[in-house]
Amino acid sequence: MLADDCAPSHAEALAQSLRYAHGYAHELLLTLAAGKADPDKAADLVQGIRNMLSAAEDELDTLDDTQHVIDAVAAIQGLSDADLFRAITDTPTSGNP
């Protein structure tokens, strides 16, 4: 996954989003445990958690896409010359572009 030039920045963005979500969740926990539940603040914290989890999911999707490309390249590199030639020149079958 880290072979992609952008993967480290996506991994850092993922980690940062999760740190923010954790921070918001911790603040919500402290607020509720103290018995000072402000509904507006709680709603803002929950929305912040949702936003950060959504951002983390976006970064994770990007990293997953990168992994699929790396897996495909590895599969191609594992082909013999004859198999690679057939893969390039043969007419695709149904379901294979």
C-alpha atoms as a PDB file:
ATOM      1  CA  MET A   1       0.000   0.000   0.000  1.00  0.00           C
ATOM      2  CA  LEU A   2       2.797   2.444   0.796  1.00  0.00           C
ATOM      3  CA  ALA A   3       4.399   2.019  -2.629  1.00  0.00           C
ATOM      4  CA  ASP A   4       2.073   4.716  -3.971  1.00  0.00           C
ATOM      5  CA  ASP A   5       3.653   8.175  -3.645  1.00  0.00           C
ATOM      6  CA  CYS A   6       0.519   9.661  -2.082  1.00  0.00           C
ATOM      7  CA  ALA A   7      -0.279   6.762   0.250  1.00  0.00           C
ATOM      8  CA  PRO A   8       1.742   8.119   3.203  1.00  0.00           C
ATOM      9  CA  SER A   9      -0.131  11.427   3.116  1.00  0.00           C
ATOM     10  CA  HIS A  10      -3.455   9.574   2.933  1.00  0.00           C
ATOM     11  CA  ALA A  11      -2.399   7.385   5.853  1.00  0.00           C
ATOM     12  CA  GLU A  12      -1.455  10.484   7.869  1.00  0.00           C
ATOM     13  CA  ALA A  13      -4.781  12.146   7.008  1.00  0.00           C
ATOM     14  CA  LEU A  14      -6.568   8.960   8.114  1.00  0.00           C
ATOM     15  CA  ALA A  15      -4.692   8.918  11.412  1.00  0.00           C
ATOM     16  CA  GLN A  16      -5.353  12.632  11.966  1.00  0.00           C
ATOM     17  CA  SER A  17      -9.083  12.238  11.312  1.00  0.00           C
ATOM     18  CA  LEU A  18      -9.241   9.359  13.781  1.00  0.00           C
ATOM     19  CA  ARG A  19      -7.314  11.394  16.390  1.00  0.00           C
ATOM     20  CA  TYR A  20      -9.816  14.245  16.029  1.00  0.00           C
ATOM     21  CA  ALA A  21     -12.766  11.838  16.291  1.00  0.00           C
ATOM     22  CA  HIS A  22     -11.199  10.332  19.406  1.00  0.00           C
ATOM     23  CA  GLY A  23     -10.673  13.779  20.894  1.00  0.00           C
ATOM     24  CA  TYR A  24     -14.282  14.762  20.261  1.00  0.00           C
ATOM     25  CA  ALA A  25     -15.518  11.479  21.728  1.00  0.00           C
ATOM     26  CA  HIS A  26     -13.338  11.962  24.807  1.00  0.00           C
ATOM     27  CA  GLU A  27     -14.639  15.504  25.278  1.00  0.00           C
ATOM     28  CA  LEU A  28     -18.210  14.221  24.954  1.00  0.00           C
ATOM     29  CA  LEU A  29     -17.482  11.508  27.533  1.00  0.00           C
ATOM     30  CA  LEU A  30     -16.079  14.042  29.989  1.00  0.00           C
ATOM     31  CA  THR A  31     -19.007  16.396  29.452  1.00  0.00           C
ATOM     32  CA  LEU A  32     -21.545  13.653  30.044  1.00  0.00           C
ATOM     33  CA  ALA A  33     -19.653  12.184  33.012  1.00  0.00           C
ATOM     34  CA  ALA A  34     -19.531  15.594  34.695  1.00  0.00           C
ATOM     35  CA  GLY A  35     -23.290  15.860  34.417  1.00  0.00           C
ATOM     36  CA  LYS A  36     -22.996  19.130  32.516  1.00  0.00           C
ATOM     37  CA  ALA A  37     -24.695  17.933  29.378  1.00  0.00           C
ATOM     38  CA  ASP A  38     -25.240  20.922  27.110  1.00  0.00           C
ATOM     39  CA  PRO A  39     -27.427  19.591  24.286  1.00  0.00           C
ATOM     40  CA  ASP A  40     -26.007  22.022  21.727  1.00  0.00           C
ATOM     41  CA  LYS A  41     -22.404  21.224  22.622  1.00  0.00           C
ATOM     42  CA  ALA A  42     -23.155  17.483  22.644  1.00  0.00           C
ATOM     43  CA  ALA A  43     -24.775  17.767  19.211  1.00  0.00           C
ATOM     44  CA  ASP A  44     -21.742  19.670  17.909  1.00  0.00           C
ATOM     45  CA  LEU A  45     -19.375  17.032  19.284  1.00  0.00           C
ATOM     46  CA  VAL A  46     -21.415  14.193  17.777  1.00  0.00           C
ATOM     47  CA  GLN A  47     -21.445  16.005  14.426  1.00  0.00           C
ATOM     48  CA  GLY A  48     -17.699  16.527  14.704  1.00  0.00           C
ATOM     49  CA  ILE A  49     -17.240  12.801  15.323  1.00  0.00           C
ATOM     50  CA  ARG A  50     -19.392  11.975  12.306  1.00  0.00           C
ATOM     51  CA  ASN A  51     -17.453  14.405  10.104  1.00  0.00           C
ATOM     52  CA  MET A  52     -14.084  13.011  11.163  1.00  0.00           C
ATOM     53  CA  LEU A  53     -15.223   9.409  10.666  1.00  0.00           C
ATOM     54  CA  SER A  54     -16.492  10.327   7.207  1.00  0.00           C
ATOM     55  CA  ALA A  55     -13.152  11.958   6.369  1.00  0.00           C
ATOM     56  CA  ALA A  56     -11.340   8.874   7.702  1.00  0.00           C
ATOM     57  CA  GLU A  57     -13.494   6.631   5.522  1.00  0.00           C
ATOM     58  CA  ASP A  58     -12.614   8.707   2.447  1.00  0.00           C
ATOM     59  CA  GLU A  59      -8.899   8.327   3.187  1.00  0.00           C
ATOM     60  CA  LEU A  60      -9.330   4.610   3.829  1.00  0.00           C
ATOM     61  CA  ASP A  61     -11.122   4.200   0.485  1.00  0.00           C
ATOM     62  CA  THR A  62      -8.214   5.928  -1.261  1.00  0.00           C
ATOM     63  CA  LEU A  63      -5.710   3.638   0.457  1.00  0.00           C
ATOM     64  CA  ASP A  64      -7.833   0.605  -0.449  1.00  0.00           C
ATOM     65  CA  ASP A  65      -7.878   1.703  -4.118  1.00  0.00           C
ATOM     66  CA  THR A  66      -4.102   2.053  -3.991  1.00  0.00           C
ATOM     67  CA  GLN A  67      -3.795  -1.464  -2.585  1.00  0.00           C
ATOM     68  CA  HIS A  68      -5.932  -2.864  -5.430  1.00  0.00           C
ATOM     69  CA  VAL A  69      -3.613  -1.257  -7.994  1.00  0.00           C
ATOM     70  CA  ILE A  70      -0.528  -2.618  -6.245  1.00  0.00           C
ATOM     71  CA  ASP A  71      -2.096  -6.104  -6.119  1.00  0.00           C
ATOM     72  CA  ALA A  72      -2.897  -5.920  -9.855  1.00  0.00           C
ATOM     73  CA  VAL A  73       0.662  -4.867 -10.682  1.00  0.00           C
ATOM     74  CA  ALA A  74       2.024  -7.717  -8.563  1.00  0.00           C
ATOM     75  CA  ALA A  75      -0.245 -10.173 -10.385  1.00  0.00           C
ATOM     76  CA  ILE A  76       0.953  -8.877 -13.765  1.00  0.00           C
ATOM     77  CA  GLN A  77       4.582  -9.080 -12.672  1.00  0.00           C
ATOM     78  CA  GLY A  78       4.001 -12.714 -11.701  1.00  0.00           C
ATOM     79  CA  LEU A  79       2.886 -13.677 -15.224  1.00  0.00           C
ATOM     80  CA  SER A  80       5.224 -15.528 -17.535  1.00  0.00           C
ATOM     81  CA  ASP A  81       6.066 -13.821 -20.829  1.00  0.00           C
ATOM     82  CA  ALA A  82       3.682 -16.158 -22.661  1.00  0.00           C
ATOM     83  CA  ASP A  83       0.825 -15.483 -20.205  1.00  0.00           C
ATOM     84  CA  LEU A  84       1.418 -11.752 -20.404  1.00  0.00           C
ATOM     85  CA  PHE A  85       1.393 -11.864 -24.209  1.00  0.00           C
ATOM     86  CA  ARG A  86      -1.885 -13.840 -24.160  1.00  0.00           C
ATOM     87  CA  ALA A  87      -3.407 -11.392 -21.682  1.00  0.00           C
ATOM     88  CA  ILE A  88      -2.577  -8.506 -23.998  1.00  0.00           C
ATOM     89  CA  THR A  89      -3.532 -10.103 -27.304  1.00  0.00           C
ATOM     90  CA  ASP A  90      -6.427 -12.459 -26.521  1.00  0.00           C
ATOM     91  CA  THR A  91      -9.994 -11.304 -27.035  1.00  0.00           C
ATOM     92  CA  PRO A  92     -11.527 -10.484 -23.658  1.00  0.00           C
ATOM     93  CA  THR A  93     -14.132 -12.881 -22.341  1.00  0.00           C
ATOM     94  CA  SER A  94     -17.372 -11.872 -20.705  1.00  0.00           C
ATOM     95  CA  GLY A  95     -16.718 -10.085 -17.427  1.00  0.00           C
ATOM     96  CA  ASN A  96     -13.073  -9.341 -18.244  1.00  0.00           C
ATOM     97  CA  PRO A  97     -12.363  -6.030 -19.925  1.00  0.00           C
END
